[in-house]
Protein backbone atom coordinates (compact mmCIF):
# COMPACT_ATOMS: atom_id res chain seq x y z
CA ALA A 1 45.65 87.88 126.71
CA ASN A 2 43.07 89.13 129.22
CA ALA A 3 43.78 92.55 128.04
CA ALA A 4 43.47 91.79 124.44
CA ALA A 5 40.23 90.24 124.88
CA THR A 6 38.76 92.92 127.17
CA ALA A 7 39.84 95.29 124.30
CA ALA A 8 38.21 93.24 121.67
CA ALA A 9 35.15 92.99 123.76
CA GLU A 10 35.09 96.87 124.16
CA VAL A 11 35.53 97.31 120.23
CA ASN A 12 32.72 94.87 119.56
CA SER A 13 30.41 96.49 122.06
CA ALA A 14 31.28 99.98 120.48
CA VAL A 15 30.53 98.48 116.97
CA ASP A 16 27.19 97.08 118.11
CA ARG A 17 26.37 100.68 119.82
CA GLU A 18 27.05 102.27 116.62
CA GLU A 19 24.96 99.79 114.61
CA GLU A 20 22.22 100.20 117.12
CA GLU A 21 22.40 104.08 116.79
CA GLU A 22 22.33 103.65 112.98
CA ARG A 23 19.32 101.46 113.12
CA ILE A 24 17.52 103.80 115.39
CA LYS A 25 18.25 106.91 113.00
CA LYS A 26 17.01 104.76 110.12
CA ASN A 27 13.90 103.79 111.95
CA ALA A 28 13.39 107.56 112.93
CA ALA A 29 13.81 108.67 109.27
CA ARG A 30 11.40 106.02 108.06
CA LEU A 31 8.92 106.90 110.77
CA GLU A 32 9.17 110.63 109.86
CA ALA A 33 8.87 109.78 106.03
CA GLU A 34 5.74 107.67 106.80
CA GLN A 35 4.24 110.50 109.04
CA GLY A 36 5.01 112.93 106.20
CA ARG A 37 3.13 110.75 103.86
CA GLU A 38 0.22 110.20 106.15
CA ALA A 39 0.01 114.14 106.81
CA LYS A 40 0.03 114.69 103.03
CA ASP A 41 -2.79 111.93 102.48
CA ARG A 42 -4.73 113.52 105.27
CA GLU A 43 -4.44 116.91 103.52
CA GLU A 44 -5.61 115.33 100.40
CA ASP A 45 -8.55 113.62 102.00
CA GLU A 46 -9.45 117.00 103.70
CA ARG A 47 -9.30 118.87 100.44
CA THR A 48 -11.57 116.11 98.79
CA LYS A 49 -14.06 116.44 101.62
CA GLU A 50 -14.02 120.02 101.11
CA LEU A 51 -14.78 119.77 97.45
CA ALA A 52 -17.60 117.35 98.19
CA ALA A 53 -18.99 119.54 100.87
CA ALA A 54 -19.00 122.56 98.43
CA ALA A 55 -20.71 120.21 95.90
CA ASP A 56 -23.30 119.19 98.33
CA ALA A 57 -23.78 122.84 99.55
CA ALA A 58 -24.18 123.92 95.79
CA ALA A 59 -26.61 121.00 95.40
CA VAL A 60 -28.65 122.07 98.24
CA GLU A 61 -28.72 125.72 97.31
CA THR A 62 -29.71 124.74 93.81
CA SER A 63 -32.52 122.42 95.19
CA GLN A 64 -33.81 125.32 97.35
CA VAL A 65 -33.96 127.66 94.33
CA LEU A 66 -35.53 125.20 92.14
CA ALA A 67 -38.10 124.39 95.02
CA THR A 68 -39.02 128.21 95.02
CA GLN A 69 -39.53 128.06 91.33
CA ASP A 70 -41.82 124.99 91.40
CA LYS A 71 -39.21 122.72 89.49
CA SER A 72 -39.74 118.99 89.41
CA PRO A 73 -37.43 116.59 91.23
CA THR A 74 -36.15 115.29 87.87
CA ASP A 75 -34.99 118.90 87.04
CA GLU A 76 -33.48 119.28 90.47
CA ALA A 77 -31.47 116.03 90.32
CA ALA A 78 -30.21 116.91 86.85
CA HIS A 79 -29.16 120.18 87.98
CA SER A 80 -27.20 118.83 91.09
CA GLY A 81 -25.55 116.40 89.00
CA LEU A 82 -24.42 119.10 86.55
CA ASP A 83 -23.10 121.15 89.51
CA ALA A 84 -20.85 118.08 90.39
CA VAL A 85 -19.49 117.87 86.91
CA LEU A 86 -18.81 121.60 86.87
CA VAL A 87 -16.79 121.14 90.18
CA LEU A 88 -14.77 118.33 88.57
CA MET A 89 -13.99 120.47 85.47
CA GLY A 90 -12.60 123.17 87.71
CA ILE A 91 -15.74 125.49 87.40
CA SER A 92 -16.94 127.24 90.48
CA PRO A 93 -20.04 125.47 91.84
CA THR A 94 -22.03 128.66 91.81
CA ASP A 95 -21.62 128.92 88.00
CA ASP A 96 -24.71 127.55 85.98
CA VAL A 97 -25.08 126.23 82.68
CA ARG A 98 -25.63 129.41 81.27
CA LYS A 99 -22.12 130.86 82.40
CA ALA A 100 -20.45 127.83 81.32
CA ALA A 101 -21.74 127.93 77.86
CA GLU A 102 -21.07 131.76 77.56
CA HIS A 103 -17.55 131.60 78.71
CA ILE A 104 -16.40 128.11 77.49
CA VAL A 105 -18.51 126.37 75.06
CA LEU A 106 -19.58 129.21 72.84
CA PRO A 107 -16.24 130.87 72.33
CA ILE A 108 -14.61 127.55 71.30
CA SER A 109 -17.53 126.58 69.06
CA VAL A 110 -17.40 129.86 67.21
CA LEU A 111 -13.57 129.47 66.88
CA VAL A 112 -13.93 126.04 65.54
CA ILE A 113 -16.44 127.11 62.93
CA LEU A 114 -14.15 130.07 61.92
CA VAL A 115 -11.04 127.80 61.54
CA VAL A 116 -13.10 125.34 59.43
CA CYS A 117 -14.42 128.14 57.16
CA VAL A 118 -11.01 130.13 56.76
CA THR A 119 -9.21 126.78 56.19
CA ASN A 120 -11.62 125.82 53.32
CA MET A 121 -11.55 129.21 51.94
CA LEU A 122 -7.71 129.31 51.84
CA ARG A 123 -7.49 125.67 50.57
CA ALA A 124 -8.29 126.59 46.96
CA ARG A 125 -5.35 129.20 46.95
CA THR A 126 -2.74 127.80 49.21
CA ASN A 127 -2.19 124.84 51.63
CA ILE A 128 -1.80 126.47 55.05
CA PRO A 129 -2.50 123.74 57.74
CA GLU A 130 -5.18 124.09 60.09
CA CYS A 131 -2.99 124.50 63.13
CA PHE A 132 -1.77 127.81 61.72
CA VAL A 133 -5.12 129.35 61.21
CA ALA A 134 -6.44 127.92 64.65
CA ILE A 135 -3.65 129.42 66.75
CA ILE A 136 -3.95 132.86 64.73
CA LEU A 137 -7.72 133.10 65.09
CA ALA A 138 -7.64 132.10 68.79
CA ALA A 139 -4.84 134.59 69.54
CA VAL A 140 -6.73 137.43 67.84
CA PHE A 141 -9.93 136.39 69.79
CA GLY A 142 -8.10 136.31 73.09
CA GLY A 143 -6.38 139.58 72.38
CA ILE A 144 -9.81 141.39 71.79
CA LEU A 145 -11.13 139.95 75.11
CA GLN A 146 -8.06 141.34 76.85
CA HIS A 147 -8.24 144.60 75.09
CA TYR A 148 -11.89 145.19 75.93
CA ASP A 149 -11.66 143.64 79.54
CA LEU A 150 -14.00 140.93 78.57
CA SER A 151 -11.82 138.19 79.77
CA ASP A 152 -12.79 138.16 83.47
CA LYS A 153 -13.34 134.34 83.29
CA LEU A 154 -10.33 133.57 81.12
CA THR A 155 -7.73 133.71 83.71
CA PRO A 156 -4.73 131.32 83.89
CA GLU A 157 -5.70 130.01 87.27
CA GLU A 158 -9.17 128.89 86.08
CA LEU A 159 -8.38 128.02 82.42
CA SER A 160 -5.19 126.12 82.93
CA PRO A 161 -6.58 123.24 85.00
CA LEU A 162 -9.72 122.88 82.59
CA VAL A 163 -7.45 122.90 79.74
CA ALA A 164 -5.25 120.13 81.05
CA LYS A 165 -8.15 117.94 81.95
CA VAL A 166 -9.86 118.38 78.50
CA ILE A 167 -6.88 117.84 76.67
CA ALA A 168 -5.77 114.84 78.48
CA LEU A 169 -9.17 113.02 78.89
CA VAL A 170 -10.88 114.16 75.67
CA ASN A 171 -8.50 115.19 72.92
CA LEU A 172 -5.13 113.06 73.33
CA PRO A 173 -7.15 109.64 73.47
CA VAL A 174 -8.63 109.84 70.13
CA ILE A 175 -5.44 111.40 68.62
CA MET A 176 -3.29 108.58 69.72
CA PHE A 177 -5.87 105.96 68.83
CA LYS A 178 -5.80 107.45 65.29
CA CYS A 179 -2.10 107.10 65.03
CA GLY A 180 -2.17 103.40 65.80
CA TRP A 181 -5.49 102.52 63.95
CA THR A 182 -4.38 104.06 60.56
CA LEU A 183 -0.69 102.74 60.75
CA ARG A 184 0.50 101.78 57.42
CA LEU A 185 2.38 98.48 58.19
CA LYS A 186 4.20 97.91 54.96
CA CYS A 187 5.44 101.46 54.91
CA ALA A 188 6.58 101.42 58.64
CA PHE A 189 8.44 98.15 58.27
CA SER A 190 10.21 99.41 55.19
CA ASN A 191 11.53 102.46 56.87
CA ILE A 192 12.02 100.91 60.36
CA GLY A 193 15.64 102.13 60.52
CA PRO A 194 15.28 105.88 59.84
CA VAL A 195 11.86 105.84 62.05
CA VAL A 196 13.63 104.24 65.12
CA GLY A 197 16.72 106.38 64.57
CA TYR A 198 14.74 109.81 64.70
CA GLY A 199 12.20 108.51 67.20
CA VAL A 200 14.53 106.89 69.98
CA VAL A 201 17.93 108.36 69.22
CA GLY A 202 16.76 111.72 68.22
CA CYS A 203 14.67 112.00 71.38
CA PHE A 204 17.53 111.27 73.77
CA VAL A 205 19.74 113.67 71.71
CA SER A 206 17.03 116.33 71.87
CA ILE A 207 16.54 115.88 75.63
CA VAL A 208 20.32 116.14 76.45
CA ALA A 209 20.99 119.12 74.10
CA VAL A 210 17.72 121.26 75.15
CA GLY A 211 18.42 120.40 78.81
CA THR A 212 22.21 121.37 78.61
CA MET A 213 21.37 124.58 76.82
CA ILE A 214 18.76 125.61 79.46
CA LEU A 215 21.29 125.07 82.30
CA LEU A 216 24.06 127.01 80.54
CA THR A 217 21.64 130.07 80.07
CA GLY A 218 20.16 129.81 83.57
CA PRO A 219 21.35 131.59 86.66
CA SER A 220 24.67 130.04 86.96
CA GLY A 221 25.40 130.74 83.34
CA THR A 222 24.14 133.69 81.23
CA ASN A 223 21.18 134.39 83.60
CA TRP A 224 18.51 134.54 80.77
CA HIS A 225 15.84 132.91 82.88
CA PRO A 226 15.36 131.54 86.45
CA ILE A 227 15.44 127.91 85.72
CA GLY A 228 18.76 126.79 87.36
CA SER A 229 18.35 123.26 88.74
CA ALA A 230 19.21 120.32 86.56
CA ARG A 231 15.86 118.29 87.40
CA GLU A 232 13.70 121.27 86.44
CA ALA A 233 15.96 121.96 83.12
CA PHE A 234 15.77 118.36 82.05
CA ALA A 235 12.16 117.99 82.89
CA VAL A 236 11.18 120.94 80.74
CA ALA A 237 13.60 119.47 77.99
CA ALA A 238 11.78 116.06 78.05
CA LEU A 239 8.29 117.56 77.79
CA ILE A 240 9.26 120.04 74.89
CA SER A 241 10.97 117.10 72.88
CA ALA A 242 7.72 115.48 72.23
CA THR A 243 6.47 116.15 68.63
CA ASP A 244 3.08 116.22 67.11
CA PRO A 245 2.60 113.16 64.81
CA VAL A 246 -0.69 114.11 63.25
CA ALA A 247 -0.66 118.01 62.76
CA LEU A 248 0.99 117.88 59.17
CA ARG A 249 -0.39 114.47 57.94
CA PRO A 250 -3.55 116.01 56.15
CA LEU A 251 -1.20 118.44 54.34
CA PHE A 252 1.27 115.84 53.54
CA THR A 253 -1.50 113.58 52.12
CA LYS A 254 -3.01 116.45 49.96
CA LEU A 255 0.47 117.32 48.39
CA SER A 256 1.40 113.64 47.81
CA ILE A 257 4.57 114.01 49.70
CA ASP A 258 7.13 111.23 49.40
CA PRO A 259 5.58 108.36 51.69
CA LYS A 260 9.00 107.58 53.05
CA LEU A 261 9.13 111.16 54.31
CA ASP A 262 5.60 111.15 55.44
CA MET A 263 6.36 107.89 57.65
CA ILE A 264 9.65 109.26 59.10
CA VAL A 265 7.83 112.47 60.30
CA PHE A 266 4.80 110.42 61.64
CA GLY A 267 6.93 107.50 63.23
CA GLU A 268 9.15 110.01 64.87
CA GLY A 269 6.30 111.60 66.64
CA VAL A 270 4.81 107.98 67.49
CA LEU A 271 8.03 106.72 68.89
CA ASN A 272 9.41 109.85 70.77
CA SER A 273 6.31 110.70 72.63
CA PRO A 274 6.41 107.55 74.94
CA LEU A 275 10.08 108.03 75.62
CA CYS A 276 9.51 111.91 76.62
CA ILE A 277 6.66 110.84 78.70
CA ALA A 278 8.66 108.17 80.49
CA VAL A 279 11.65 110.57 81.18
CA PHE A 280 9.35 113.42 82.27
CA TRP A 281 7.53 111.12 84.56
CA LEU A 282 10.79 109.97 86.25
CA LEU A 283 11.95 113.45 86.79
CA ASN A 284 8.46 114.84 87.77
CA ASN A 285 7.75 111.98 90.36
CA ALA A 286 11.16 111.56 91.74
CA ARG A 287 11.28 111.56 95.59
CA SER A 288 13.91 112.17 98.03
CA ASP A 289 13.12 108.89 100.10
CA ARG A 290 13.75 106.81 96.83
CA GLY A 291 17.01 105.69 95.31
CA VAL A 292 18.13 106.32 91.79
CA ALA A 293 17.65 102.62 90.96
CA GLN A 294 14.26 102.45 92.34
CA GLY A 295 13.02 105.67 90.65
CA THR A 296 14.44 104.27 87.18
CA PHE A 297 12.78 101.09 87.84
CA ARG A 298 9.41 102.73 88.31
CA ALA A 299 9.93 104.94 85.09
CA LEU A 300 10.79 101.67 83.37
CA TRP A 301 7.87 99.95 84.66
CA TYR A 302 5.60 103.03 83.69
CA LEU A 303 6.86 102.62 80.02
CA VAL A 304 7.04 98.81 79.72
CA GLY A 305 3.79 98.36 81.75
CA SER A 306 1.85 100.80 79.34
CA VAL A 307 3.44 98.85 76.27
CA ILE A 308 2.34 95.40 77.75
CA LEU A 309 -1.24 96.78 78.64
CA GLY A 310 -2.06 98.14 75.35
CA PRO A 311 -1.78 94.86 73.29
CA VAL A 312 -3.40 92.99 76.06
CA LEU A 313 -6.55 95.29 75.82
CA GLY A 314 -6.20 95.08 72.11
CA VAL A 315 -6.52 91.30 72.18
CA VAL A 316 -9.47 91.49 74.87
CA LEU A 317 -11.47 94.06 72.87
CA THR A 318 -10.90 92.46 69.46
CA TRP A 319 -11.81 88.90 71.01
CA ILE A 320 -15.14 90.47 72.43
CA TYR A 321 -16.05 91.98 69.16
CA ARG A 322 -15.51 88.48 67.45
CA ALA A 323 -18.10 87.07 69.61
CA ILE A 324 -20.75 89.73 68.93
CA ARG A 325 -19.88 90.65 65.24
CA GLN A 326 -22.46 88.45 63.68
CA HIS A 327 -25.28 90.57 65.31
CA SER A 328 -23.46 94.13 64.76
CA LEU A 329 -24.60 96.90 62.64
CA VAL A 330 -22.21 99.50 60.93
CA VAL A 331 -23.37 101.91 63.73
CA VAL A 332 -22.24 99.42 66.56
CA GLU A 333 -18.92 98.96 64.73
CA VAL A 334 -18.06 102.48 64.73
CA VAL A 335 -19.23 103.19 68.25
CA TYR A 336 -17.19 100.10 69.58
CA VAL A 337 -14.04 101.35 67.92
CA PHE A 338 -14.55 105.09 68.99
CA VAL A 339 -15.22 104.17 72.57
CA SER A 340 -12.27 101.74 72.68
CA CYS A 341 -9.80 104.55 72.62
CA TYR A 342 -11.43 106.13 75.72
CA LEU A 343 -11.66 102.73 77.53
CA SER A 344 -7.87 101.92 77.11
CA TYR A 345 -6.85 105.43 78.00
CA SER A 346 -8.79 105.63 81.19
CA LEU A 347 -8.06 102.09 82.37
CA ALA A 348 -4.24 102.91 81.98
CA GLU A 349 -4.63 106.06 84.07
CA VAL A 350 -6.51 104.18 86.74
CA LEU A 351 -3.65 101.76 86.90
CA SER A 352 -1.21 104.55 87.10
CA LEU A 353 0.35 103.98 83.65
CA SER A 354 0.45 106.09 80.65
CA GLY A 355 -2.81 106.39 78.82
CA ILE A 356 -1.19 107.70 75.72
CA ILE A 357 1.20 104.89 75.31
CA THR A 358 -1.49 102.15 76.11
CA THR A 359 -3.97 103.78 73.70
CA MET A 360 -1.59 103.80 70.84
CA CYS A 361 -0.57 100.07 71.34
CA THR A 362 -4.21 99.11 71.68
CA ALA A 363 -5.12 100.82 68.49
CA CYS A 364 -2.08 99.16 66.51
CA LEU A 365 -3.26 95.72 67.30
CA MET A 366 -7.12 96.48 66.82
CA GLY A 367 -6.23 98.05 63.51
CA ILE A 368 -4.67 94.81 62.31
CA TYR A 369 -6.95 92.17 63.71
CA MET A 370 -10.45 93.82 63.76
CA ARG A 371 -10.24 94.70 60.02
CA PRO A 372 -11.10 91.26 58.69
CA LEU A 373 -13.86 90.90 61.42
CA MET A 374 -15.63 94.12 60.40
CA THR A 375 -17.70 94.79 57.33
CA LEU A 376 -16.07 97.04 54.75
CA GLU A 377 -18.69 99.74 55.17
CA GLY A 378 -18.14 99.53 58.86
CA TYR A 379 -14.27 99.72 58.73
CA THR A 380 -14.52 102.63 56.43
CA SER A 381 -16.93 104.38 58.60
CA ALA A 382 -14.95 103.89 61.70
CA THR A 383 -11.66 105.09 60.13
CA SER A 384 -13.44 108.10 58.79
CA SER A 385 -14.92 108.76 62.26
CA VAL A 386 -11.64 108.41 64.05
CA ARG A 387 -9.84 110.53 61.58
CA ALA A 388 -12.34 113.35 61.75
CA ALA A 389 -12.53 113.18 65.58
CA ALA A 390 -8.78 113.27 65.72
CA SER A 391 -8.60 116.38 63.41
CA LEU A 392 -11.13 118.10 65.45
CA ALA A 393 -9.34 117.18 68.70
CA ASP A 394 -5.98 118.51 67.25
CA THR A 395 -7.61 121.80 66.14
CA LEU A 396 -9.09 122.34 69.63
CA ILE A 397 -5.61 121.81 71.12
CA PHE A 398 -4.27 124.63 68.97
CA ILE A 399 -7.33 126.87 69.73
CA MET A 400 -6.60 126.47 73.47
CA VAL A 401 -2.90 127.30 72.88
CA GLY A 402 -4.00 130.37 70.95
CA LEU A 403 -6.16 131.40 73.95
CA MET A 404 -3.64 130.78 76.51
CA VAL A 405 -1.03 132.75 74.83
CA THR A 406 -2.91 135.98 75.43
CA LEU A 407 -3.20 135.34 79.00
CA LYS A 408 -1.00 137.11 81.62
CA TYR A 409 0.84 134.34 83.40
CA GLU A 410 2.39 135.40 86.79
CA GLY A 411 6.10 134.81 86.75
CA ALA A 412 6.20 134.02 83.06
CA ASN A 413 9.36 134.87 81.09
CA MET A 414 9.28 135.78 77.50
CA VAL A 415 12.96 135.62 77.22
CA PHE A 416 12.83 131.99 78.26
CA GLY A 417 10.13 131.30 75.70
CA TRP A 418 12.14 132.52 72.82
CA ALA A 419 15.30 130.92 74.07
CA LEU A 420 13.43 127.71 74.24
CA VAL A 421 12.36 128.16 70.63
CA LEU A 422 16.08 128.57 69.76
CA PHE A 423 17.12 125.50 71.68
CA CYS A 424 14.47 123.28 69.86
CA ALA A 425 15.68 124.54 66.57
CA VAL A 426 19.33 123.84 67.31
CA SER A 427 18.50 120.47 68.77
CA ARG A 428 16.58 119.59 65.80
CA LEU A 429 19.60 120.48 63.70
CA LEU A 430 21.66 118.10 65.91
CA VAL A 431 19.17 115.29 65.48
CA VAL A 432 18.12 115.66 61.69
CA TYR A 433 21.42 116.03 59.77
CA PRO A 434 23.68 113.56 61.55
CA LEU A 435 20.87 110.86 61.57
CA THR A 436 20.05 111.60 58.01
CA SER A 437 23.68 111.09 57.01
CA ALA A 438 23.65 107.77 58.99
CA ALA A 439 20.24 106.54 57.40
CA ASN A 440 21.65 107.32 53.94
CA PHE A 441 24.94 105.49 54.65
CA VAL A 442 23.19 102.42 55.77
CA ALA A 443 20.71 102.64 52.94
CA ARG A 444 23.59 102.62 50.43
CA HIS A 445 25.26 99.57 51.83
CA VAL A 446 22.17 97.59 53.14
CA GLY A 447 19.43 98.54 50.67
CA ALA A 448 16.24 100.44 51.48
CA VAL A 449 12.75 101.07 49.84
CA GLY A 450 12.39 104.38 48.18
CA PRO A 451 15.05 107.04 47.33
CA GLU A 452 17.69 108.30 49.77
CA LEU A 453 16.95 111.43 51.86
CA THR A 454 18.20 114.43 49.98
CA SER A 455 19.03 117.83 51.44
CA ALA A 456 15.45 118.90 50.53
CA HIS A 457 14.15 116.04 52.65
CA GLN A 458 16.08 117.23 55.58
CA VAL A 459 15.05 120.70 55.40
CA LEU A 460 11.39 119.48 55.40
CA ILE A 461 12.07 116.95 58.31
CA TRP A 462 13.65 119.84 60.27
CA ALA A 463 10.74 122.11 59.74
CA SER A 464 8.13 119.25 60.62
CA GLY A 465 9.01 119.10 64.34
CA LEU A 466 5.86 120.72 65.53
CA ARG A 467 4.69 120.44 69.18
CA GLY A 468 1.08 119.84 70.13
CA GLY A 469 -0.95 118.84 73.12
CA ILE A 470 1.43 116.33 74.81
CA PRO A 471 4.01 119.04 75.78
CA LEU A 472 1.26 121.33 77.05
CA VAL A 473 -0.27 118.65 79.15
CA LEU A 474 2.99 117.64 80.60
CA ALA A 475 3.92 121.23 81.35
CA LEU A 476 0.57 121.80 83.27
CA GLU A 477 1.35 118.48 85.22
CA LEU A 478 4.37 119.73 86.88
CA ASN A 479 4.20 119.14 90.52
CA GLY A 480 4.83 121.48 93.38
CA TRP A 481 8.55 120.79 93.54
CA ALA A 482 9.00 122.98 90.10
CA LYS A 483 9.59 126.51 91.50
CA ASN A 484 9.22 127.84 87.87
CA ARG A 485 6.18 126.01 86.71
CA GLN A 486 4.68 129.27 85.09
CA VAL A 487 7.91 129.93 83.27
CA ALA A 488 7.94 126.38 81.97
CA VAL A 489 4.12 126.61 80.97
CA GLY A 490 4.74 130.13 79.12
CA GLY A 491 7.81 128.81 77.33
CA THR A 492 6.00 125.81 76.21
CA LEU A 493 3.15 127.78 74.94
CA THR A 494 5.51 130.07 73.12
CA VAL A 495 7.15 127.07 71.37
CA ILE A 496 3.76 125.33 70.37
CA MET A 497 2.63 128.74 68.84
CA PHE A 498 5.91 129.52 66.96
CA MET A 499 6.32 126.19 65.66
CA ALA A 500 3.03 126.09 64.19
CA LEU A 501 3.04 129.61 62.86
CA ILE A 502 6.59 129.73 61.27
CA PRO A 503 7.63 126.13 60.25
CA GLY A 504 3.87 125.02 59.87
CA GLY A 505 2.56 128.03 58.07
CA LEU A 506 5.57 128.05 55.62
CA MET A 507 5.37 124.26 55.08
CA HIS A 508 3.72 124.58 51.74
CA PHE A 509 6.35 127.16 50.51
CA LEU A 510 9.15 124.73 51.81
CA VAL A 511 7.63 121.93 49.73
CA THR A 512 7.40 124.01 46.60
CA ASP A 513 10.82 125.66 46.82
CA GLN A 514 12.69 122.41 47.70
CA ARG A 515 10.92 120.61 44.92
CA ILE A 516 10.31 117.53 47.10
CA VAL A 517 9.74 114.71 44.57
CA LYS A 518 6.35 112.97 44.73
CA HIS A 519 6.74 109.37 44.42
CA ALA A 520 4.14 106.61 43.99
CA VAL A 521 2.44 105.80 47.32
CA TYR A 522 3.51 102.48 48.86
CA GLU A 523 0.93 99.68 48.41
CA MET A 524 -1.17 98.83 51.50
CA LEU A 525 -0.35 95.62 53.25
CA THR A 526 -3.51 93.61 53.42
CA TYR A 527 -4.35 91.13 56.29
CA GLU A 528 -4.21 88.40 53.71
CA GLN A 529 -0.62 89.21 52.58
CA LEU A 530 0.43 89.72 56.21
CA THR A 531 -0.64 86.22 57.08
CA LYS A 532 1.03 84.67 54.02
CA ILE A 533 4.46 86.25 54.78
CA ARG A 534 7.13 83.78 55.88
CA PRO A 535 10.36 85.22 57.04
CA ALA A 536 13.46 83.10 56.81
CA ALA A 537 14.94 83.97 60.09
CA GLY A 538 15.56 86.81 62.73
CA VAL A 539 13.05 89.01 64.48
CA GLY A 540 10.49 88.54 61.65
CA LYS A 541 10.26 84.91 62.24
CA TYR A 542 9.23 85.37 65.84
CA LEU A 543 6.96 88.06 64.92
CA GLN A 544 5.16 85.74 62.35
CA ARG A 545 4.78 83.25 65.12
CA ILE A 546 3.13 85.73 67.35
CA HIS A 547 0.83 86.71 64.45
CA ALA A 548 -0.13 83.11 63.70
CA SER A 549 -1.16 82.79 67.31
CA LEU A 550 -3.18 85.88 67.37
CA HIS A 551 -4.67 84.91 64.08
CA THR A 552 -5.93 81.65 65.37
CA LEU A 553 -7.30 83.23 68.54
CA LEU A 554 -8.91 86.55 67.11
CA VAL A 555 -9.56 85.86 63.42
CA GLY A 556 -9.40 82.37 62.28
CA ASP A 557 -9.29 81.06 58.72
CA ASP A 558 -13.19 81.16 58.19
CA CYS A 559 -13.27 84.88 59.01
CA LEU A 560 -10.33 85.45 56.66
CA ARG A 561 -12.03 83.55 54.00
CA LEU A 562 -15.25 85.64 54.21
CA HIS A 563 -13.05 88.88 54.40
CA VAL A 564 -11.42 87.89 51.17
CA GLN A 565 -14.77 87.13 49.58
CA ARG A 566 -16.08 90.61 50.64
CA ILE A 567 -13.01 92.33 49.12
CA ALA A 568 -13.56 90.48 45.98
CA LYS A 569 -17.24 91.78 45.59
CA THR A 570 -16.07 95.37 45.82
CA THR A 571 -13.87 95.18 42.61
CA GLN A 572 -14.98 98.10 40.52
CA ARG A 573 -13.66 96.95 37.06
CA PRO A 574 -14.76 93.46 35.95
CA GLY A 575 -11.81 91.28 34.80
CA THR A 576 -9.21 92.72 37.14
CA ALA A 577 -7.70 91.32 40.42
CA PRO A 578 -9.54 92.26 43.56
CA LEU A 579 -8.14 95.44 45.21
CA GLU A 580 -7.84 96.06 48.75
CA PRO A 581 -9.45 99.49 49.62
CA ARG A 582 -7.29 102.05 51.14
CA PRO A 583 -8.30 102.68 54.81
CA GLY A 584 -10.54 105.56 55.12
CA ALA A 585 -11.41 105.64 51.37
CA VAL A 586 -15.08 106.33 50.35
């Protein structure tokens, strides 16, 4: 018994020693990780201090030059502030306004004017989208600069950070705000099944298909390109699967495309972009000291938190406008709506959430509940301004893509670019035809608004998967863990350019040859009709309860009554029922 007790005590002491050693190892690993994070934070602080010191030195140098030229203190302060802005934009502090205007603002302004002029001249004969013209002219312009050695300032190292910041902070907010502000509720809810299928299921199918094909053609497979890790392959697949929801909408509107088809293409881009961003964020920000469950939770919070923040901001902004609307002018209404997109985007980014998702959700709620609070002239002007700004922002993105295509990226792989184009086309086939067959099967047995999707519709949906600013921004945001970042950026540029040139440029001929039937446009669901809907049961009943609460908080019956009276006064033909004006119609 004594021997057994002694043996048991020794075993227990050995177990305790092992547990103590394990705790010591874990504490050492945790301490090492904390030291690594502290070192990284110190490096970032030192870099920030260096940039601040460089800006201060530039300000001092500028003030000395201005002093020798007898400049006023106001001019000196303005010039110092401009130097700080140029530092934030990625321009060297020694560059002045003239150089920035010469190498950045002037070329892009000339290209925008050329795109508008050429598109208007071609519009009388054909319906080529603006993205096609923008990429062609920008690529020609960039090629001329490269040929005559005039692109000393258009280097990838200097242009890429500037393009990423401009697209993320200037272009994307107004584009995503326009998607939510001009959403047609009746058409969206009538086609909710195909839209969710293409946007959600199609997104994951595309990511899995493209990522698998990248791995099979990497170093461990056919060795077409250097991307061999699963993390890098699926990160590229996630960023390249986000489609552009607005590039083809002006063309579809002009050609009177079937509204069901238009809503499917638009809704797919609206839904799959947040999912692609969330998957990319999970892969791009994964850390070795975090488990799979913790990383997945952070990605879900990144997505869900952005979706929650958007409607909350929409409620707050709409409620604030209701408090000041009696004293507002048309200009105030336009400015309030226009600035809301940048406010929601910047606030989400400050909170480490997705500005794209938050802005779109904010715009959806504001587009519903601010309409009865605004004057008809103010709503029309605000909608037209948002649409014009979004069109200009989308054109600028394709101009930047055309310019960047001509640059010589170190480590870029053209084989990977064209292989990625092939992967996107194949994954698009895997998404379109099975999901279309499923949507038609459900429509035949459940019933749906509008006709079934024919083979002609499927061809047009397949060709409508253009890529825009979101894939480019995500590619430029790849962190240091991505060893083949330049390869990914070059491949993304190739896909954006090819999709805009071939499917986008041939869209008019596809519509003509496939004889897409032009159906009557769905009637707009007015706010009054939305308030009177009484669903029997299901999800619609809970949505109607939420709408009733928001109506009481943000609009109220008195504002709705005034809104209906304003609409009645705009009736153009006496004796007819009041018509709700189409959003954006003049």
